[in-house]
Amino acid sequence: MMNPTDNSLATSPAISINGTERWDIYHRLQELEIPCKCPVHKPLTVIISSPNHLIQLWSVMRRINASRQELIISLETNWQIQLDR
């Protein structure tokens, strides 16, 4: 049986992101209180201990890596879904 407090089981693989994007992601995850570390000259690592953490990580990565046009289309689609309700 998996022990949910065993962080070695919950640790995601290192995310290899360079430069400012890596630090932007790190700072946003810190704001969201998602355990992560970003040592100098090493990849960002994130501990995913819940489905919510995984979704938040995906959302942060998408926001930072998506093009402006992709984000606009996503917003327009969400607004349309809200108007159709």
N, C-alpha and C. Protein backbone atom coordinates (compact mmCIF):
# COMPACT_ATOMS: atom_id res chain seq x y z
N MET A 1 0.84 -1.17 0.00
CA MET A 1 0.00 0.00 0.00
C MET A 1 0.89 1.24 0.00
N MET A 2 0.48 2.28 -0.78
CA MET A 2 1.26 3.50 -0.85
C MET A 2 0.99 4.37 0.36
N ASN A 3 2.04 4.90 0.93
CA ASN A 3 1.92 5.82 2.04
C ASN A 3 1.85 7.24 1.48
N PRO A 4 0.71 7.95 1.66
CA PRO A 4 0.57 9.27 1.05
C PRO A 4 1.54 10.31 1.60
N THR A 5 2.14 10.05 2.75
CA THR A 5 3.09 11.02 3.30
C THR A 5 4.50 10.76 2.82
N ASP A 6 4.72 9.69 2.08
CA ASP A 6 6.06 9.39 1.56
C ASP A 6 6.30 10.24 0.32
N ASN A 7 7.05 11.33 0.48
CA ASN A 7 7.28 12.26 -0.62
C ASN A 7 8.07 11.65 -1.76
N SER A 8 8.82 10.59 -1.53
CA SER A 8 9.55 9.97 -2.63
C SER A 8 8.60 9.37 -3.64
N LEU A 9 7.42 8.95 -3.18
CA LEU A 9 6.43 8.40 -4.10
C LEU A 9 5.65 9.51 -4.79
N ALA A 10 5.54 10.64 -4.14
CA ALA A 10 4.73 11.73 -4.69
C ALA A 10 5.54 12.69 -5.54
N THR A 11 6.84 12.55 -5.57
CA THR A 11 7.67 13.49 -6.31
C THR A 11 7.55 13.24 -7.80
N SER A 12 7.26 14.30 -8.51
CA SER A 12 7.17 14.19 -9.96
C SER A 12 8.58 14.21 -10.53
N PRO A 13 8.73 13.79 -11.77
CA PRO A 13 10.05 13.92 -12.40
C PRO A 13 10.46 15.39 -12.48
N ALA A 14 11.74 15.61 -12.57
CA ALA A 14 12.22 16.99 -12.70
C ALA A 14 11.68 17.59 -13.99
N ILE A 15 11.24 18.81 -13.90
CA ILE A 15 10.74 19.52 -15.05
C ILE A 15 11.89 20.38 -15.57
N SER A 16 12.32 20.12 -16.77
CA SER A 16 13.45 20.86 -17.34
C SER A 16 12.96 22.11 -18.04
N ILE A 17 13.03 23.22 -17.33
CA ILE A 17 12.62 24.50 -17.89
C ILE A 17 13.73 25.48 -17.60
N ASN A 18 14.18 26.17 -18.61
CA ASN A 18 15.31 27.08 -18.48
C ASN A 18 14.87 28.53 -18.33
N GLY A 19 15.76 29.33 -17.81
CA GLY A 19 15.61 30.78 -17.80
C GLY A 19 14.44 31.30 -17.00
N THR A 20 13.90 32.40 -17.47
CA THR A 20 12.85 33.10 -16.74
C THR A 20 11.59 32.27 -16.58
N GLU A 21 11.25 31.47 -17.58
CA GLU A 21 10.04 30.67 -17.47
C GLU A 21 10.10 29.75 -16.26
N ARG A 22 11.25 29.16 -16.02
CA ARG A 22 11.43 28.26 -14.88
C ARG A 22 11.16 29.01 -13.58
N TRP A 23 11.69 30.22 -13.46
CA TRP A 23 11.49 30.99 -12.24
C TRP A 23 10.06 31.50 -12.12
N ASP A 24 9.43 31.86 -13.23
CA ASP A 24 8.03 32.28 -13.20
C ASP A 24 7.15 31.15 -12.68
N ILE A 25 7.38 29.94 -13.18
CA ILE A 25 6.61 28.78 -12.75
C ILE A 25 6.86 28.51 -11.27
N TYR A 26 8.13 28.53 -10.87
CA TYR A 26 8.49 28.30 -9.47
C TYR A 26 7.78 29.29 -8.55
N HIS A 27 7.83 30.58 -8.88
CA HIS A 27 7.21 31.59 -8.01
C HIS A 27 5.69 31.43 -7.95
N ARG A 28 5.08 31.10 -9.08
CA ARG A 28 3.63 30.91 -9.06
C ARG A 28 3.25 29.69 -8.22
N LEU A 29 4.02 28.60 -8.33
CA LEU A 29 3.73 27.41 -7.52
C LEU A 29 3.92 27.72 -6.04
N GLN A 30 4.91 28.54 -5.71
CA GLN A 30 5.10 28.96 -4.31
C GLN A 30 3.87 29.73 -3.83
N GLU A 31 3.33 30.62 -4.66
CA GLU A 31 2.13 31.37 -4.29
C GLU A 31 0.95 30.43 -4.05
N LEU A 32 0.89 29.35 -4.80
CA LEU A 32 -0.19 28.37 -4.67
C LEU A 32 0.08 27.37 -3.54
N GLU A 33 1.22 27.52 -2.87
CA GLU A 33 1.64 26.65 -1.78
C GLU A 33 1.80 25.20 -2.21
N ILE A 34 2.33 25.03 -3.42
CA ILE A 34 2.65 23.70 -3.94
C ILE A 34 4.15 23.48 -3.70
N PRO A 35 4.51 22.42 -2.97
CA PRO A 35 5.92 22.19 -2.66
C PRO A 35 6.76 22.01 -3.93
N CYS A 36 7.81 22.82 -4.03
CA CYS A 36 8.70 22.73 -5.17
C CYS A 36 10.04 23.33 -4.79
N LYS A 37 11.05 22.98 -5.57
CA LYS A 37 12.36 23.59 -5.37
C LYS A 37 12.99 23.85 -6.73
N CYS A 38 13.79 24.90 -6.75
CA CYS A 38 14.38 25.33 -8.00
C CYS A 38 15.82 25.78 -7.74
N PRO A 39 16.71 24.80 -7.47
CA PRO A 39 18.10 25.18 -7.20
C PRO A 39 18.76 25.81 -8.43
N VAL A 40 19.76 26.62 -8.19
CA VAL A 40 20.49 27.28 -9.27
C VAL A 40 21.12 26.22 -10.18
N HIS A 41 20.96 26.39 -11.48
CA HIS A 41 21.54 25.50 -12.50
C HIS A 41 21.01 24.07 -12.42
N LYS A 42 19.83 23.87 -11.85
CA LYS A 42 19.20 22.54 -11.78
C LYS A 42 17.75 22.68 -12.21
N PRO A 43 17.14 21.56 -12.62
CA PRO A 43 15.73 21.64 -13.04
C PRO A 43 14.78 21.93 -11.87
N LEU A 44 13.68 22.51 -12.18
CA LEU A 44 12.60 22.72 -11.23
C LEU A 44 12.01 21.36 -10.90
N THR A 45 11.81 21.07 -9.61
CA THR A 45 11.13 19.83 -9.20
C THR A 45 9.90 20.20 -8.39
N VAL A 46 8.84 19.43 -8.58
CA VAL A 46 7.57 19.72 -7.94
C VAL A 46 7.06 18.45 -7.27
N ILE A 47 6.53 18.59 -6.05
CA ILE A 47 5.92 17.46 -5.36
C ILE A 47 4.41 17.55 -5.56
N ILE A 48 3.88 16.55 -6.23
CA ILE A 48 2.44 16.49 -6.50
C ILE A 48 1.83 15.53 -5.49
N SER A 49 1.09 16.09 -4.53
CA SER A 49 0.52 15.25 -3.47
C SER A 49 -1.00 15.17 -3.54
N SER A 50 -1.58 15.78 -4.58
CA SER A 50 -3.04 15.70 -4.74
C SER A 50 -3.40 15.98 -6.20
N PRO A 51 -4.57 15.54 -6.61
CA PRO A 51 -5.02 15.86 -7.97
C PRO A 51 -5.10 17.37 -8.19
N ASN A 52 -5.46 18.11 -7.15
CA ASN A 52 -5.53 19.57 -7.25
C ASN A 52 -4.17 20.16 -7.60
N HIS A 53 -3.10 19.65 -6.97
CA HIS A 53 -1.75 20.12 -7.29
C HIS A 53 -1.41 19.85 -8.75
N LEU A 54 -1.80 18.70 -9.24
CA LEU A 54 -1.51 18.35 -10.63
C LEU A 54 -2.23 19.28 -11.59
N ILE A 55 -3.49 19.56 -11.32
CA ILE A 55 -4.26 20.47 -12.17
C ILE A 55 -3.68 21.88 -12.12
N GLN A 56 -3.28 22.33 -10.93
CA GLN A 56 -2.70 23.66 -10.81
C GLN A 56 -1.37 23.75 -11.55
N LEU A 57 -0.55 22.71 -11.45
CA LEU A 57 0.72 22.68 -12.18
C LEU A 57 0.45 22.76 -13.68
N TRP A 58 -0.49 21.97 -14.15
CA TRP A 58 -0.83 21.98 -15.58
C TRP A 58 -1.28 23.38 -16.00
N SER A 59 -2.11 24.00 -15.17
CA SER A 59 -2.63 25.32 -15.50
C SER A 59 -1.52 26.37 -15.55
N VAL A 60 -0.61 26.33 -14.59
CA VAL A 60 0.50 27.28 -14.57
C VAL A 60 1.39 27.08 -15.79
N MET A 61 1.71 25.82 -16.10
CA MET A 61 2.55 25.51 -17.26
C MET A 61 1.88 25.99 -18.54
N ARG A 62 0.60 25.75 -18.65
CA ARG A 62 -0.15 26.15 -19.85
C ARG A 62 -0.17 27.67 -19.99
N ARG A 63 -0.42 28.36 -18.90
CA ARG A 63 -0.48 29.83 -18.95
C ARG A 63 0.85 30.42 -19.38
N ILE A 64 1.93 29.85 -18.91
CA ILE A 64 3.24 30.40 -19.22
C ILE A 64 3.72 29.99 -20.62
N ASN A 65 3.37 28.78 -21.04
CA ASN A 65 3.89 28.26 -22.31
C ASN A 65 2.98 28.48 -23.51
N ALA A 66 1.71 28.77 -23.28
CA ALA A 66 0.78 28.95 -24.39
C ALA A 66 1.02 30.29 -25.07
N SER A 67 0.73 30.32 -26.35
CA SER A 67 0.84 31.59 -27.07
C SER A 67 -0.32 32.50 -26.66
N ARG A 68 -0.16 33.76 -26.93
CA ARG A 68 -1.21 34.73 -26.63
C ARG A 68 -2.50 34.34 -27.34
N GLN A 69 -2.38 33.91 -28.59
CA GLN A 69 -3.55 33.53 -29.37
C GLN A 69 -4.26 32.32 -28.76
N GLU A 70 -3.51 31.34 -28.29
CA GLU A 70 -4.12 30.16 -27.64
C GLU A 70 -4.88 30.57 -26.38
N LEU A 71 -4.33 31.48 -25.61
CA LEU A 71 -5.01 31.93 -24.39
C LEU A 71 -6.28 32.72 -24.72
N ILE A 72 -6.23 33.52 -25.78
CA ILE A 72 -7.41 34.28 -26.20
C ILE A 72 -8.52 33.32 -26.63
N ILE A 73 -8.18 32.31 -27.42
CA ILE A 73 -9.17 31.33 -27.88
C ILE A 73 -9.78 30.60 -26.69
N SER A 74 -8.96 30.23 -25.72
CA SER A 74 -9.45 29.54 -24.53
C SER A 74 -10.44 30.42 -23.76
N LEU A 75 -10.08 31.69 -23.57
CA LEU A 75 -10.99 32.62 -22.88
C LEU A 75 -12.30 32.78 -23.64
N GLU A 76 -12.21 32.97 -24.95
CA GLU A 76 -13.43 33.14 -25.75
C GLU A 76 -14.31 31.91 -25.68
N THR A 77 -13.71 30.73 -25.71
CA THR A 77 -14.47 29.48 -25.61
C THR A 77 -15.17 29.39 -24.26
N ASN A 78 -14.45 29.71 -23.19
CA ASN A 78 -15.04 29.65 -21.85
C ASN A 78 -16.16 30.66 -21.70
N TRP A 79 -15.98 31.87 -22.24
CA TRP A 79 -17.03 32.87 -22.18
C TRP A 79 -18.27 32.39 -22.94
N GLN A 80 -18.07 31.76 -24.09
CA GLN A 80 -19.19 31.27 -24.88
C GLN A 80 -19.94 30.18 -24.12
N ILE A 81 -19.22 29.29 -23.47
CA ILE A 81 -19.86 28.23 -22.67
C ILE A 81 -20.71 28.85 -21.57
N GLN A 82 -20.21 29.90 -20.92
CA GLN A 82 -20.95 30.57 -19.84
C GLN A 82 -22.20 31.25 -20.41
N LEU A 83 -22.11 31.84 -21.59
CA LEU A 83 -23.26 32.52 -22.19
C LEU A 83 -24.34 31.51 -22.61
N ASP A 84 -23.93 30.31 -22.98
CA ASP A 84 -24.88 29.28 -23.43
C ASP A 84 -25.64 28.65 -22.28
N ARG A 85 -25.20 28.86 -21.08
CA ARG A 85 -25.88 28.23 -19.92
C ARG A 85 -27.12 28.94 -19.55
